[in-house]
Amino acid sequence: MDAGIPLPTLAGGVVAGILTGGVVLYTCYEWYQGYKAGLRGKKLALRPITRIKDAICCHSPAMGKKADSMELVSLRSIDV
């Protein structure tokens, strides 16, 4: 059966649709959680973006304040 659409194009469309659906669902979930937490206006609108930025930039609460500190970490071995 020939659908008239090449298989790689069809597969790419399906993958793009799944990714787009996932982004939309995640955004709706974050807006809902932000609304329940009492956020309104600009803070509520930007909540999904800030949550993604926090996760990517290692500013999550699990990382503590280490990402913001000015500590330098040396990966060299220390000669004793």
N, C-alpha and C. Protein backbone atom coordinates (compact mmCIF):
# COMPACT_ATOMS: atom_id res chain seq x y z
N MET A 1 0.84 -1.17 0.00
CA MET A 1 0.00 0.00 0.00
C MET A 1 0.89 1.24 0.00
N ASP A 2 0.66 2.13 -0.94
CA ASP A 2 1.45 3.35 -1.05
C ASP A 2 0.61 4.52 -0.54
N ALA A 3 1.09 5.14 0.53
CA ALA A 3 0.37 6.27 1.12
C ALA A 3 0.74 7.57 0.43
N GLY A 4 1.79 7.57 -0.40
CA GLY A 4 2.21 8.78 -1.07
C GLY A 4 3.15 9.63 -0.24
N ILE A 5 3.44 9.22 0.99
CA ILE A 5 4.36 9.95 1.88
C ILE A 5 5.54 9.04 2.15
N PRO A 6 6.77 9.52 1.90
CA PRO A 6 7.94 8.68 2.20
C PRO A 6 8.01 8.34 3.69
N LEU A 7 8.47 7.15 4.00
CA LEU A 7 8.52 6.67 5.38
C LEU A 7 9.34 7.58 6.30
N PRO A 8 10.54 8.07 5.91
CA PRO A 8 11.27 8.96 6.82
C PRO A 8 10.50 10.26 7.13
N THR A 9 9.80 10.78 6.15
CA THR A 9 9.00 11.98 6.39
C THR A 9 7.87 11.70 7.35
N LEU A 10 7.22 10.57 7.18
CA LEU A 10 6.13 10.18 8.08
C LEU A 10 6.65 9.98 9.50
N ALA A 11 7.78 9.30 9.62
CA ALA A 11 8.37 9.06 10.94
C ALA A 11 8.77 10.38 11.61
N GLY A 12 9.35 11.28 10.83
CA GLY A 12 9.74 12.59 11.37
C GLY A 12 8.53 13.38 11.83
N GLY A 13 7.44 13.30 11.09
CA GLY A 13 6.22 13.98 11.48
C GLY A 13 5.63 13.42 12.77
N VAL A 14 5.69 12.12 12.91
CA VAL A 14 5.18 11.48 14.12
C VAL A 14 6.02 11.89 15.34
N VAL A 15 7.34 11.87 15.17
CA VAL A 15 8.23 12.26 16.27
C VAL A 15 8.01 13.73 16.64
N ALA A 16 7.91 14.60 15.64
CA ALA A 16 7.67 16.02 15.91
C ALA A 16 6.33 16.22 16.62
N GLY A 17 5.33 15.47 16.24
CA GLY A 17 4.03 15.57 16.90
C GLY A 17 4.08 15.13 18.35
N ILE A 18 4.80 14.06 18.62
CA ILE A 18 4.94 13.57 19.99
C ILE A 18 5.69 14.58 20.85
N LEU A 19 6.78 15.14 20.32
CA LEU A 19 7.54 16.14 21.07
C LEU A 19 6.70 17.39 21.34
N THR A 20 5.97 17.84 20.34
CA THR A 20 5.13 19.02 20.51
C THR A 20 4.04 18.76 21.55
N GLY A 21 3.43 17.59 21.51
CA GLY A 21 2.43 17.24 22.51
C GLY A 21 3.00 17.19 23.91
N GLY A 22 4.21 16.67 24.04
CA GLY A 22 4.85 16.61 25.35
C GLY A 22 5.14 17.99 25.90
N VAL A 23 5.61 18.89 25.05
CA VAL A 23 5.89 20.26 25.49
C VAL A 23 4.60 20.96 25.92
N VAL A 24 3.54 20.78 25.16
CA VAL A 24 2.25 21.40 25.50
C VAL A 24 1.72 20.85 26.82
N LEU A 25 1.79 19.54 27.01
CA LEU A 25 1.32 18.95 28.26
C LEU A 25 2.14 19.41 29.46
N TYR A 26 3.47 19.48 29.29
CA TYR A 26 4.33 19.93 30.38
C TYR A 26 4.02 21.39 30.74
N THR A 27 3.83 22.23 29.72
CA THR A 27 3.52 23.63 29.96
C THR A 27 2.20 23.78 30.70
N CYS A 28 1.19 23.03 30.28
CA CYS A 28 -0.11 23.09 30.97
C CYS A 28 0.01 22.62 32.42
N TYR A 29 0.79 21.57 32.63
CA TYR A 29 0.99 21.06 33.99
C TYR A 29 1.67 22.11 34.87
N GLU A 30 2.70 22.77 34.37
CA GLU A 30 3.41 23.79 35.16
C GLU A 30 2.51 24.99 35.43
N TRP A 31 1.70 25.40 34.45
CA TRP A 31 0.76 26.49 34.70
C TRP A 31 -0.24 26.12 35.77
N TYR A 32 -0.74 24.91 35.72
CA TYR A 32 -1.70 24.44 36.73
C TYR A 32 -1.06 24.43 38.12
N GLN A 33 0.15 23.91 38.21
CA GLN A 33 0.84 23.86 39.50
C GLN A 33 1.15 25.27 40.01
N GLY A 34 1.53 26.16 39.12
CA GLY A 34 1.80 27.54 39.52
C GLY A 34 0.54 28.24 39.99
N TYR A 35 -0.56 28.01 39.30
CA TYR A 35 -1.84 28.61 39.70
C TYR A 35 -2.26 28.11 41.07
N LYS A 36 -2.09 26.79 41.32
CA LYS A 36 -2.41 26.23 42.64
C LYS A 36 -1.53 26.81 43.72
N ALA A 37 -0.27 27.17 43.35
CA ALA A 37 0.67 27.73 44.33
C ALA A 37 0.43 29.22 44.57
N GLY A 38 -0.50 29.82 43.83
CA GLY A 38 -0.83 31.22 44.07
C GLY A 38 -0.16 32.20 43.12
N LEU A 39 0.50 31.72 42.09
CA LEU A 39 1.14 32.62 41.14
C LEU A 39 0.09 33.22 40.21
N ARG A 40 0.30 34.46 39.84
CA ARG A 40 -0.61 35.14 38.92
C ARG A 40 0.21 36.02 37.98
N GLY A 41 -0.39 36.39 36.88
CA GLY A 41 0.22 37.34 35.95
C GLY A 41 1.49 36.83 35.30
N LYS A 42 2.50 37.69 35.28
CA LYS A 42 3.75 37.40 34.59
C LYS A 42 4.47 36.20 35.19
N LYS A 43 4.46 36.08 36.51
CA LYS A 43 5.13 34.95 37.16
C LYS A 43 4.50 33.62 36.73
N LEU A 44 3.18 33.60 36.61
CA LEU A 44 2.50 32.39 36.18
C LEU A 44 2.79 32.10 34.71
N ALA A 45 2.81 33.14 33.89
CA ALA A 45 3.07 32.95 32.45
C ALA A 45 4.48 32.43 32.20
N LEU A 46 5.44 32.85 33.01
CA LEU A 46 6.83 32.46 32.81
C LEU A 46 7.23 31.21 33.58
N ARG A 47 6.33 30.64 34.35
CA ARG A 47 6.67 29.48 35.19
C ARG A 47 7.27 28.32 34.41
N PRO A 48 6.70 27.88 33.28
CA PRO A 48 7.32 26.75 32.57
C PRO A 48 8.74 27.07 32.10
N ILE A 49 8.96 28.29 31.66
CA ILE A 49 10.30 28.67 31.17
C ILE A 49 11.30 28.70 32.32
N THR A 50 10.89 29.26 33.46
CA THR A 50 11.82 29.32 34.59
C THR A 50 12.11 27.93 35.15
N ARG A 51 11.11 27.05 35.13
CA ARG A 51 11.34 25.68 35.62
C ARG A 51 12.33 24.94 34.73
N ILE A 52 12.20 25.11 33.43
CA ILE A 52 13.14 24.47 32.50
C ILE A 52 14.53 25.07 32.67
N LYS A 53 14.60 26.39 32.78
CA LYS A 53 15.90 27.06 32.96
C LYS A 53 16.57 26.60 34.24
N ASP A 54 15.80 26.49 35.32
CA ASP A 54 16.36 26.04 36.59
C ASP A 54 16.89 24.61 36.48
N ALA A 55 16.19 23.76 35.76
CA ALA A 55 16.63 22.37 35.61
C ALA A 55 17.89 22.27 34.77
N ILE A 56 17.97 23.05 33.71
CA ILE A 56 19.13 22.99 32.82
C ILE A 56 20.35 23.67 33.44
N CYS A 57 20.14 24.77 34.11
CA CYS A 57 21.26 25.57 34.63
C CYS A 57 21.69 25.16 36.03
N CYS A 58 21.20 24.05 36.52
CA CYS A 58 21.60 23.50 37.83
C CYS A 58 21.27 24.44 38.98
N HIS A 59 20.18 25.16 38.90
CA HIS A 59 19.76 26.03 40.00
C HIS A 59 18.63 25.39 40.79
N SER A 60 18.49 24.09 40.67
CA SER A 60 17.40 23.43 41.38
C SER A 60 17.70 23.38 42.88
N PRO A 61 16.68 23.29 43.71
CA PRO A 61 16.89 23.26 45.16
C PRO A 61 17.77 22.09 45.59
N ALA A 62 17.78 21.00 44.83
CA ALA A 62 18.61 19.86 45.21
C ALA A 62 20.09 20.18 45.11
N MET A 63 20.45 21.16 44.28
CA MET A 63 21.85 21.54 44.13
C MET A 63 22.29 22.51 45.21
N GLY A 64 21.36 23.03 45.99
CA GLY A 64 21.70 23.99 47.02
C GLY A 64 22.14 25.30 46.40
N LYS A 65 23.00 26.03 47.07
CA LYS A 65 23.49 27.30 46.57
C LYS A 65 24.88 27.18 45.95
N LYS A 66 25.34 25.96 45.73
CA LYS A 66 26.68 25.76 45.19
C LYS A 66 26.85 26.34 43.80
N ALA A 67 25.80 26.33 42.99
CA ALA A 67 25.91 26.85 41.63
C ALA A 67 26.12 28.36 41.65
N ASP A 68 25.66 29.04 42.71
CA ASP A 68 25.79 30.49 42.79
C ASP A 68 27.06 30.92 43.53
N SER A 69 27.75 30.01 44.16
CA SER A 69 28.92 30.39 44.94
C SER A 69 30.12 30.59 44.02
N MET A 70 31.14 31.22 44.54
CA MET A 70 32.32 31.52 43.76
C MET A 70 33.43 30.49 44.02
N GLU A 71 33.06 29.30 44.48
CA GLU A 71 34.04 28.26 44.74
C GLU A 71 34.65 27.78 43.43
N LEU A 72 35.94 27.54 43.46
CA LEU A 72 36.62 26.95 42.32
C LEU A 72 37.01 25.53 42.69
N VAL A 73 36.77 24.62 41.81
CA VAL A 73 37.08 23.23 42.06
C VAL A 73 38.20 22.83 41.13
N SER A 74 39.25 22.28 41.70
CA SER A 74 40.38 21.83 40.90
C SER A 74 40.26 20.33 40.69
N LEU A 75 40.44 19.90 39.46
CA LEU A 75 40.37 18.49 39.15
C LEU A 75 41.76 17.86 39.16
N ARG A 76 42.77 18.65 39.43
CA ARG A 76 44.14 18.11 39.51
C ARG A 76 44.33 17.39 40.84
N SER A 77 45.19 16.39 40.83
CA SER A 77 45.49 15.72 42.09
C SER A 77 46.45 16.62 42.90
N ILE A 78 46.30 16.55 44.19
CA ILE A 78 47.12 17.39 45.06
C ILE A 78 48.35 16.60 45.45
N ASP A 79 49.52 17.20 45.23
CA ASP A 79 50.78 16.55 45.62
C ASP A 79 51.00 16.78 47.11
N VAL A 80 51.23 15.68 47.81
CA VAL A 80 51.42 15.76 49.26
C VAL A 80 52.88 15.61 49.59
